[in-house]
Amino acid sequence: MGLDMLIKALDPYERKARLYPVFIALIPVIAIVFCLYGIERKFDAALMSLLASLGIFYLLSSVGREFGKRLEGELFKKWGGIPTTQLLRHRDSKIDSFSKARYHTFLSEHLKINMPSIADEEADPTAADHIYSGCISWLKEKTRDKKKFKMLSDENVTYGFRRNALGLKPLALVILIFSFFWILFSAHILSLSGGSYLALLNIDRAPLSALLITLVMFLVWVFFFTQKSVHTAAFTYAQQLIRACEVLPKKRS
């Protein structure tokens, strides 16, 4: 009960984007604890409050964010720049030219700047990107209301979750491999002298459950948490942010 209350008390982004990837990485260990050893502990509110006061939850969320942010710069460089900046470029075709011109006009009027033309962008793409980046910063400030821009907030959480999980992927795979062999040794399927095919055929329900959970999580980490899934989430969020120009108040003349 105490754990549920503390988790619900966390900011949705902190919980879903930063904390959940760490918990998912630890699922194999949790499966071993409950399936193999039958440990059932009810953490009361006082104990969980103590853990929170010691910074356990903040530490876990910080770990998830740190791994994700380390990876983010490499991904942006590989993709050709920050997704939001890319979408405002004339040379990028993910947003049609008609809509992009409308967004440029909206941002130009609100920020009282001249948006780069096609020629400007070709002549000095770095300077153009600086202007686009400034526009994105302005948009983020204007869309911080999570209730009004719920879809945008949800897409941001999805991106943060996938990015942080991908950052944790090497650690998660190490945990999975360790858990897999721990289960096999605990079930006497493997030993220092070799393996037992008979023990595998007669494996008990508890270690079998732990083994299946570990294998499923291995597939999730290998095939879902990939650069492609992060790329999809990043550009979906970027498009949603730029489309906020459609709903933000127009500049009064």
C-alpha atoms as a PDB file:
ATOM      1  CA  MET A   1       0.000   0.000   0.000  1.00  0.00           C
ATOM      2  CA  GLY A   2       2.787   2.353   0.914  1.00  0.00           C
ATOM      3  CA  LEU A   3       4.627   1.621  -2.326  1.00  0.00           C
ATOM      4  CA  ASP A   4       1.493   2.267  -4.387  1.00  0.00           C
ATOM      5  CA  MET A   5       0.912   5.584  -2.656  1.00  0.00           C
ATOM      6  CA  LEU A   6       4.486   6.731  -3.182  1.00  0.00           C
ATOM      7  CA  ILE A   7       4.557   5.758  -6.843  1.00  0.00           C
ATOM      8  CA  LYS A   8       1.247   7.502  -7.508  1.00  0.00           C
ATOM      9  CA  ALA A   9       2.570  10.591  -5.761  1.00  0.00           C
ATOM     10  CA  LEU A  10       5.435  10.911  -8.221  1.00  0.00           C
ATOM     11  CA  ASP A  11       5.107  13.184 -11.225  1.00  0.00           C
ATOM     12  CA  PRO A  12       3.726  11.174 -14.197  1.00  0.00           C
ATOM     13  CA  TYR A  13       6.832  11.905 -16.262  1.00  0.00           C
ATOM     14  CA  GLU A  14       9.149  10.936 -13.390  1.00  0.00           C
ATOM     15  CA  ARG A  15       7.202   7.738 -12.867  1.00  0.00           C
ATOM     16  CA  LYS A  16       6.632   6.583 -16.421  1.00  0.00           C
ATOM     17  CA  ALA A  17       9.689   7.904 -18.260  1.00  0.00           C
ATOM     18  CA  ARG A  18      12.376   7.594 -15.594  1.00  0.00           C
ATOM     19  CA  LEU A  19      11.277   5.082 -12.969  1.00  0.00           C
ATOM     20  CA  TYR A  20       9.466   2.453 -15.053  1.00  0.00           C
ATOM     21  CA  PRO A  21      12.460   1.609 -17.295  1.00  0.00           C
ATOM     22  CA  VAL A  22      14.500   0.777 -14.177  1.00  0.00           C
ATOM     23  CA  PHE A  23      11.707  -1.382 -12.769  1.00  0.00           C
ATOM     24  CA  ILE A  24      11.349  -3.187 -16.106  1.00  0.00           C
ATOM     25  CA  ALA A  25      15.088  -3.882 -16.132  1.00  0.00           C
ATOM     26  CA  LEU A  26      14.710  -5.457 -12.675  1.00  0.00           C
ATOM     27  CA  ILE A  27      11.743  -7.688 -13.574  1.00  0.00           C
ATOM     28  CA  PRO A  28      13.927 -10.828 -13.972  1.00  0.00           C
ATOM     29  CA  VAL A  29      15.368 -10.317 -10.486  1.00  0.00           C
ATOM     30  CA  ILE A  30      11.885  -9.768  -9.053  1.00  0.00           C
ATOM     31  CA  ALA A  31      10.702 -12.949 -10.798  1.00  0.00           C
ATOM     32  CA  ILE A  32      13.554 -14.930  -9.238  1.00  0.00           C
ATOM     33  CA  VAL A  33      12.801 -13.590  -5.770  1.00  0.00           C
ATOM     34  CA  PHE A  34       9.105 -14.440  -5.903  1.00  0.00           C
ATOM     35  CA  CYS A  35       9.106 -17.561  -8.074  1.00  0.00           C
ATOM     36  CA  LEU A  36      12.165 -19.365  -6.751  1.00  0.00           C
ATOM     37  CA  TYR A  37      12.206 -18.295  -3.131  1.00  0.00           C
ATOM     38  CA  GLY A  38       8.562 -17.484  -2.476  1.00  0.00           C
ATOM     39  CA  ILE A  39       9.419 -14.296  -0.660  1.00  0.00           C
ATOM     40  CA  GLU A  40       6.259 -12.379   0.121  1.00  0.00           C
ATOM     41  CA  ARG A  41       6.789  -9.153   1.990  1.00  0.00           C
ATOM     42  CA  LYS A  42       4.248  -6.473   2.611  1.00  0.00           C
ATOM     43  CA  PHE A  43       6.033  -3.184   2.778  1.00  0.00           C
ATOM     44  CA  ASP A  44       4.028  -0.835   4.990  1.00  0.00           C
ATOM     45  CA  ALA A  45       3.753   2.890   4.446  1.00  0.00           C
ATOM     46  CA  ALA A  46       6.324   3.682   7.131  1.00  0.00           C
ATOM     47  CA  LEU A  47       9.028   1.547   5.503  1.00  0.00           C
ATOM     48  CA  MET A  48       8.346   2.906   2.028  1.00  0.00           C
ATOM     49  CA  SER A  49       8.347   6.448   3.391  1.00  0.00           C
ATOM     50  CA  LEU A  50      11.745   5.726   4.917  1.00  0.00           C
ATOM     51  CA  LEU A  51      13.064   4.487   1.568  1.00  0.00           C
ATOM     52  CA  ALA A  52      11.689   7.576  -0.119  1.00  0.00           C
ATOM     53  CA  SER A  53      13.325   9.805   2.474  1.00  0.00           C
ATOM     54  CA  LEU A  54      16.627   8.077   1.744  1.00  0.00           C
ATOM     55  CA  GLY A  55      16.215   9.055  -1.890  1.00  0.00           C
ATOM     56  CA  ILE A  56      15.674   5.557  -3.314  1.00  0.00           C
ATOM     57  CA  PHE A  57      12.990   6.594  -5.781  1.00  0.00           C
ATOM     58  CA  TYR A  58      14.811   9.742  -6.792  1.00  0.00           C
ATOM     59  CA  LEU A  59      17.965   7.694  -7.300  1.00  0.00           C
ATOM     60  CA  LEU A  60      16.182   5.199  -9.537  1.00  0.00           C
ATOM     61  CA  SER A  61      14.551   7.925 -11.617  1.00  0.00           C
ATOM     62  CA  SER A  62      17.888   9.742 -11.902  1.00  0.00           C
ATOM     63  CA  VAL A  63      19.611   6.554 -13.082  1.00  0.00           C
ATOM     64  CA  GLY A  64      17.023   6.103 -15.827  1.00  0.00           C
ATOM     65  CA  ARG A  65      17.328   9.722 -16.937  1.00  0.00           C
ATOM     66  CA  GLU A  66      21.134   9.730 -16.857  1.00  0.00           C
ATOM     67  CA  PHE A  67      21.444   6.681 -19.115  1.00  0.00           C
ATOM     68  CA  GLY A  68      18.845   8.125 -21.483  1.00  0.00           C
ATOM     69  CA  LYS A  69      20.415  11.575 -21.705  1.00  0.00           C
ATOM     70  CA  ARG A  70      23.861  10.084 -22.379  1.00  0.00           C
ATOM     71  CA  LEU A  71      22.399   8.267 -25.362  1.00  0.00           C
ATOM     72  CA  GLU A  72      20.243  11.129 -26.632  1.00  0.00           C
ATOM     73  CA  GLY A  73      23.069  13.273 -28.006  1.00  0.00           C
ATOM     74  CA  GLU A  74      24.468  10.353 -29.981  1.00  0.00           C
ATOM     75  CA  LEU A  75      21.048   9.575 -31.449  1.00  0.00           C
ATOM     76  CA  PHE A  76      20.384  13.187 -32.480  1.00  0.00           C
ATOM     77  CA  LYS A  77      23.773  13.356 -34.166  1.00  0.00           C
ATOM     78  CA  LYS A  78      23.089  10.118 -36.021  1.00  0.00           C
ATOM     79  CA  TRP A  79      19.629  11.304 -37.110  1.00  0.00           C
ATOM     80  CA  GLY A  80      20.893  14.630 -38.411  1.00  0.00           C
ATOM     81  CA  GLY A  81      19.898  16.908 -35.558  1.00  0.00           C
ATOM     82  CA  ILE A  82      17.261  17.407 -32.887  1.00  0.00           C
ATOM     83  CA  PRO A  83      13.927  16.136 -34.284  1.00  0.00           C
ATOM     84  CA  THR A  84      12.010  19.338 -33.486  1.00  0.00           C
ATOM     85  CA  THR A  85      14.667  21.430 -35.228  1.00  0.00           C
ATOM     86  CA  GLN A  86      14.710  19.104 -38.227  1.00  0.00           C
ATOM     87  CA  LEU A  87      10.976  19.454 -38.758  1.00  0.00           C
ATOM     88  CA  LEU A  88      11.214  23.249 -39.054  1.00  0.00           C
ATOM     89  CA  ARG A  89      13.906  23.077 -41.733  1.00  0.00           C
ATOM     90  CA  HIS A  90      12.837  23.844 -45.285  1.00  0.00           C
ATOM     91  CA  ARG A  91      14.875  20.917 -46.558  1.00  0.00           C
ATOM     92  CA  ASP A  92      13.039  18.421 -44.339  1.00  0.00           C
ATOM     93  CA  SER A  93       9.909  16.924 -45.912  1.00  0.00           C
ATOM     94  CA  LYS A  94       8.264  15.214 -42.924  1.00  0.00           C
ATOM     95  CA  ILE A  95       5.874  18.176 -42.663  1.00  0.00           C
ATOM     96  CA  ASP A  96       4.345  19.389 -45.929  1.00  0.00           C
ATOM     97  CA  SER A  97       5.583  22.744 -47.191  1.00  0.00           C
ATOM     98  CA  PHE A  98       2.165  24.421 -46.911  1.00  0.00           C
ATOM     99  CA  SER A  99       1.797  23.588 -43.202  1.00  0.00           C
ATOM    100  CA  LYS A 100       5.421  24.429 -42.531  1.00  0.00           C
ATOM    101  CA  ALA A 101       5.008  27.883 -44.068  1.00  0.00           C
ATOM    102  CA  ARG A 102       2.023  28.429 -41.784  1.00  0.00           C
ATOM    103  CA  TYR A 103       4.026  27.401 -38.721  1.00  0.00           C
ATOM    104  CA  HIS A 104       6.921  29.643 -39.746  1.00  0.00           C
ATOM    105  CA  THR A 105       4.572  32.593 -40.135  1.00  0.00           C
ATOM    106  CA  PHE A 106       2.987  31.921 -36.737  1.00  0.00           C
ATOM    107  CA  LEU A 107       6.358  31.713 -34.985  1.00  0.00           C
ATOM    108  CA  SER A 108       7.713  34.753 -36.822  1.00  0.00           C
ATOM    109  CA  GLU A 109       4.762  36.872 -35.697  1.00  0.00           C
ATOM    110  CA  HIS A 110       4.879  35.752 -32.071  1.00  0.00           C
ATOM    111  CA  LEU A 111       8.638  35.918 -31.590  1.00  0.00           C
ATOM    112  CA  LYS A 112       8.994  39.016 -33.792  1.00  0.00           C
ATOM    113  CA  ILE A 113      11.807  37.482 -35.827  1.00  0.00           C
ATOM    114  CA  ASN A 114      12.442  36.773 -39.475  1.00  0.00           C
ATOM    115  CA  MET A 115      12.371  33.048 -40.072  1.00  0.00           C
ATOM    116  CA  PRO A 116      15.113  31.745 -42.381  1.00  0.00           C
ATOM    117  CA  SER A 117      14.204  31.477 -46.035  1.00  0.00           C
ATOM    118  CA  ILE A 118      15.277  28.540 -48.170  1.00  0.00           C
ATOM    119  CA  ALA A 119      18.254  30.594 -49.369  1.00  0.00           C
ATOM    120  CA  ASP A 120      19.171  31.611 -45.808  1.00  0.00           C
ATOM    121  CA  GLU A 121      19.062  28.029 -44.663  1.00  0.00           C
ATOM    122  CA  GLU A 122      21.243  26.862 -47.529  1.00  0.00           C
ATOM    123  CA  ALA A 123      23.747  29.664 -46.967  1.00  0.00           C
ATOM    124  CA  ASP A 124      24.080  29.160 -43.203  1.00  0.00           C
ATOM    125  CA  PRO A 125      22.287  26.040 -41.904  1.00  0.00           C
ATOM    126  CA  THR A 126      23.816  26.399 -38.419  1.00  0.00           C
ATOM    127  CA  ALA A 127      22.436  29.913 -37.959  1.00  0.00           C
ATOM    128  CA  ALA A 128      19.048  28.732 -39.203  1.00  0.00           C
ATOM    129  CA  ASP A 129      19.063  25.873 -36.726  1.00  0.00           C
ATOM    130  CA  HIS A 130      19.746  28.308 -33.884  1.00  0.00           C
ATOM    131  CA  ILE A 131      16.605  30.230 -34.833  1.00  0.00           C
ATOM    132  CA  TYR A 132      14.559  27.030 -35.092  1.00  0.00           C
ATOM    133  CA  SER A 133      15.881  25.901 -31.710  1.00  0.00           C
ATOM    134  CA  GLY A 134      14.807  29.217 -30.176  1.00  0.00           C
ATOM    135  CA  CYS A 135      11.336  28.777 -31.648  1.00  0.00           C
ATOM    136  CA  ILE A 136      11.088  25.296 -30.148  1.00  0.00           C
ATOM    137  CA  SER A 137      12.112  26.587 -26.721  1.00  0.00           C
ATOM    138  CA  TRP A 138       9.312  29.168 -26.955  1.00  0.00           C
ATOM    139  CA  LEU A 139       6.806  26.482 -27.967  1.00  0.00           C
ATOM    140  CA  LYS A 140       7.788  24.284 -25.031  1.00  0.00           C
ATOM    141  CA  GLU A 141       7.203  27.127 -22.606  1.00  0.00           C
ATOM    142  CA  LYS A 142       3.791  27.826 -24.113  1.00  0.00           C
ATOM    143  CA  THR A 143       2.692  24.182 -23.941  1.00  0.00           C
ATOM    144  CA  ARG A 144       3.589  23.263 -20.360  1.00  0.00           C
ATOM    145  CA  ASP A 145      -0.052  22.934 -19.323  1.00  0.00           C
ATOM    146  CA  LYS A 146      -0.366  19.141 -19.247  1.00  0.00           C
ATOM    147  CA  LYS A 147      -4.155  19.204 -19.108  1.00  0.00           C
ATOM    148  CA  LYS A 148      -4.555  21.529 -22.074  1.00  0.00           C
ATOM    149  CA  PHE A 149      -1.851  19.770 -24.088  1.00  0.00           C
ATOM    150  CA  LYS A 150      -2.444  16.236 -22.806  1.00  0.00           C
ATOM    151  CA  MET A 151      -1.631  14.499 -26.090  1.00  0.00           C
ATOM    152  CA  LEU A 152       1.657  16.373 -26.320  1.00  0.00           C
ATOM    153  CA  SER A 153       2.476  15.499 -22.712  1.00  0.00           C
ATOM    154  CA  ASP A 154       1.703  11.824 -23.374  1.00  0.00           C
ATOM    155  CA  GLU A 155       3.966  11.771 -26.430  1.00  0.00           C
ATOM    156  CA  ASN A 156       6.748  13.377 -24.391  1.00  0.00           C
ATOM    157  CA  VAL A 157       6.390  10.663 -21.732  1.00  0.00           C
ATOM    158  CA  THR A 158       6.463   7.948 -24.401  1.00  0.00           C
ATOM    159  CA  TYR A 159       9.648   9.367 -25.884  1.00  0.00           C
ATOM    160  CA  GLY A 160      11.306   9.756 -22.479  1.00  0.00           C
ATOM    161  CA  PHE A 161      10.352   6.212 -21.498  1.00  0.00           C
ATOM    162  CA  ARG A 162      11.744   4.633 -24.675  1.00  0.00           C
ATOM    163  CA  ARG A 163      14.886   6.795 -24.672  1.00  0.00           C
ATOM    164  CA  ASN A 164      15.697   6.004 -21.042  1.00  0.00           C
ATOM    165  CA  ALA A 165      14.956   2.309 -21.531  1.00  0.00           C
ATOM    166  CA  LEU A 166      17.295   2.178 -24.534  1.00  0.00           C
ATOM    167  CA  GLY A 167      19.963   3.858 -22.419  1.00  0.00           C
ATOM    168  CA  LEU A 168      19.490   1.156 -19.789  1.00  0.00           C
ATOM    169  CA  LYS A 169      19.486  -1.658 -22.363  1.00  0.00           C
ATOM    170  CA  PRO A 170      23.101  -2.856 -21.824  1.00  0.00           C
ATOM    171  CA  LEU A 171      22.524  -3.051 -18.061  1.00  0.00           C
ATOM    172  CA  ALA A 172      19.166  -4.747 -18.548  1.00  0.00           C
ATOM    173  CA  LEU A 173      20.719  -7.415 -20.804  1.00  0.00           C
ATOM    174  CA  VAL A 174      23.418  -8.114 -18.217  1.00  0.00           C
ATOM    175  CA  ILE A 175      20.705  -8.564 -15.572  1.00  0.00           C
ATOM    176  CA  LEU A 176      18.770 -10.864 -17.905  1.00  0.00           C
ATOM    177  CA  ILE A 177      21.789 -13.062 -18.634  1.00  0.00           C
ATOM    178  CA  PHE A 178      22.667 -13.243 -14.941  1.00  0.00           C
ATOM    179  CA  SER A 179      19.049 -14.102 -14.057  1.00  0.00           C
ATOM    180  CA  PHE A 180      18.851 -16.769 -16.769  1.00  0.00           C
ATOM    181  CA  PHE A 181      21.890 -18.633 -15.490  1.00  0.00           C
ATOM    182  CA  TRP A 182      20.851 -18.149 -11.850  1.00  0.00           C
ATOM    183  CA  ILE A 183      17.556 -19.904 -12.597  1.00  0.00           C
ATOM    184  CA  LEU A 184      19.275 -22.743 -14.454  1.00  0.00           C
ATOM    185  CA  PHE A 185      21.728 -23.315 -11.618  1.00  0.00           C
ATOM    186  CA  SER A 186      19.015 -23.037  -8.963  1.00  0.00           C
ATOM    187  CA  ALA A 187      16.900 -25.627 -10.788  1.00  0.00           C
ATOM    188  CA  HIS A 188      20.004 -27.870 -11.124  1.00  0.00           C
ATOM    189  CA  ILE A 189      19.695 -27.775 -14.892  1.00  0.00           C
ATOM    190  CA  LEU A 190      23.234 -26.421 -15.011  1.00  0.00           C
ATOM    191  CA  SER A 191      26.104 -27.095 -12.649  1.00  0.00           C
ATOM    192  CA  LEU A 192      29.845 -26.587 -12.647  1.00  0.00           C
ATOM    193  CA  SER A 193      30.208 -30.108 -14.004  1.00  0.00           C
ATOM    194  CA  GLY A 194      27.777 -29.629 -16.897  1.00  0.00           C
ATOM    195  CA  GLY A 195      24.085 -29.622 -17.758  1.00  0.00           C
ATOM    196  CA  SER A 196      21.225 -31.998 -17.100  1.00  0.00           C
ATOM    197  CA  TYR A 197      18.672 -32.560 -19.851  1.00  0.00           C
ATOM    198  CA  LEU A 198      16.579 -34.657 -17.455  1.00  0.00           C
ATOM    199  CA  ALA A 199      16.378 -31.801 -14.967  1.00  0.00           C
ATOM    200  CA  LEU A 200      15.207 -29.510 -17.764  1.00  0.00           C
ATOM    201  CA  LEU A 201      12.406 -31.908 -18.692  1.00  0.00           C
ATOM    202  CA  ASN A 202      11.304 -32.184 -15.062  1.00  0.00           C
ATOM    203  CA  ILE A 203      11.672 -28.529 -14.155  1.00  0.00           C
ATOM    204  CA  ASP A 204       9.286 -27.379 -11.431  1.00  0.00           C
ATOM    205  CA  ARG A 205       6.580 -24.811 -12.041  1.00  0.00           C
ATOM    206  CA  ALA A 206       8.271 -22.029 -10.041  1.00  0.00           C
ATOM    207  CA  PRO A 207      11.630 -21.985 -11.876  1.00  0.00           C
ATOM    208  CA  LEU A 208       9.802 -22.555 -15.173  1.00  0.00           C
ATOM    209  CA  SER A 209       7.711 -19.437 -14.530  1.00  0.00           C
ATOM    210  CA  ALA A 210      10.818 -17.425 -13.695  1.00  0.00           C
ATOM    211  CA  LEU A 211      12.550 -18.753 -16.804  1.00  0.00           C
ATOM    212  CA  LEU A 212       9.637 -17.860 -19.074  1.00  0.00           C
ATOM    213  CA  ILE A 213       9.395 -14.348 -17.633  1.00  0.00           C
ATOM    214  CA  THR A 214      13.111 -13.879 -18.203  1.00  0.00           C
ATOM    215  CA  LEU A 215      12.884 -15.074 -21.803  1.00  0.00           C
ATOM    216  CA  VAL A 216       9.893 -12.838 -22.555  1.00  0.00           C
ATOM    217  CA  MET A 217      11.688  -9.816 -21.110  1.00  0.00           C
ATOM    218  CA  PHE A 218      14.762 -10.692 -23.191  1.00  0.00           C
ATOM    219  CA  LEU A 219      12.637 -10.526 -26.345  1.00  0.00           C
ATOM    220  CA  VAL A 220      11.133  -7.203 -25.234  1.00  0.00           C
ATOM    221  CA  TRP A 221      14.539  -5.623 -24.619  1.00  0.00           C
ATOM    222  CA  VAL A 222      16.063  -6.963 -27.827  1.00  0.00           C
ATOM    223  CA  PHE A 223      13.229  -6.292 -30.276  1.00  0.00           C
ATOM    224  CA  PHE A 224      11.220  -3.396 -28.802  1.00  0.00           C
ATOM    225  CA  PHE A 225      13.676  -1.114 -27.057  1.00  0.00           C
ATOM    226  CA  THR A 226      15.626  -0.171 -30.175  1.00  0.00           C
ATOM    227  CA  GLN A 227      16.826   3.000 -31.862  1.00  0.00           C
ATOM    228  CA  LYS A 228      13.946   2.642 -34.308  1.00  0.00           C
ATOM    229  CA  SER A 229      11.293   2.711 -31.571  1.00  0.00           C
ATOM    230  CA  VAL A 230      12.965   5.738 -29.971  1.00  0.00           C
ATOM    231  CA  HIS A 231      13.150   7.451 -33.374  1.00  0.00           C
ATOM    232  CA  THR A 232       9.422   6.906 -33.896  1.00  0.00           C
ATOM    233  CA  ALA A 233       8.559   8.341 -30.488  1.00  0.00           C
ATOM    234  CA  ALA A 234      10.941  11.298 -30.874  1.00  0.00           C
ATOM    235  CA  PHE A 235       9.508  12.467 -34.192  1.00  0.00           C
ATOM    236  CA  THR A 236       5.927  11.827 -33.097  1.00  0.00           C
ATOM    237  CA  TYR A 237       6.505  14.119 -30.123  1.00  0.00           C
ATOM    238  CA  ALA A 238       8.283  16.680 -32.317  1.00  0.00           C
ATOM    239  CA  GLN A 239       5.386  16.808 -34.780  1.00  0.00           C
ATOM    240  CA  GLN A 240       2.867  17.133 -31.959  1.00  0.00           C
ATOM    241  CA  LEU A 241       4.827  20.015 -30.432  1.00  0.00           C
ATOM    242  CA  ILE A 242       5.021  21.940 -33.695  1.00  0.00           C
ATOM    243  CA  ARG A 243       1.320  21.351 -34.355  1.00  0.00           C
ATOM    244  CA  ALA A 244       0.653  23.300 -31.165  1.00  0.00           C
ATOM    245  CA  CYS A 245       0.953  26.337 -33.448  1.00  0.00           C
ATOM    246  CA  GLU A 246      -2.515  25.380 -34.694  1.00  0.00           C
ATOM    247  CA  VAL A 247      -4.150  25.722 -31.263  1.00  0.00           C
ATOM    248  CA  LEU A 248      -2.118  28.425 -29.558  1.00  0.00           C
ATOM    249  CA  PRO A 249      -3.708  31.902 -29.668  1.00  0.00           C
ATOM    250  CA  LYS A 250      -3.030  33.828 -32.843  1.00  0.00           C
ATOM    251  CA  LYS A 251      -1.061  37.050 -32.671  1.00  0.00           C
ATOM    252  CA  ARG A 252      -3.359  40.034 -32.478  1.00  0.00           C
ATOM    253  CA  SER A 253      -2.558  42.770 -34.959  1.00  0.00           C
END
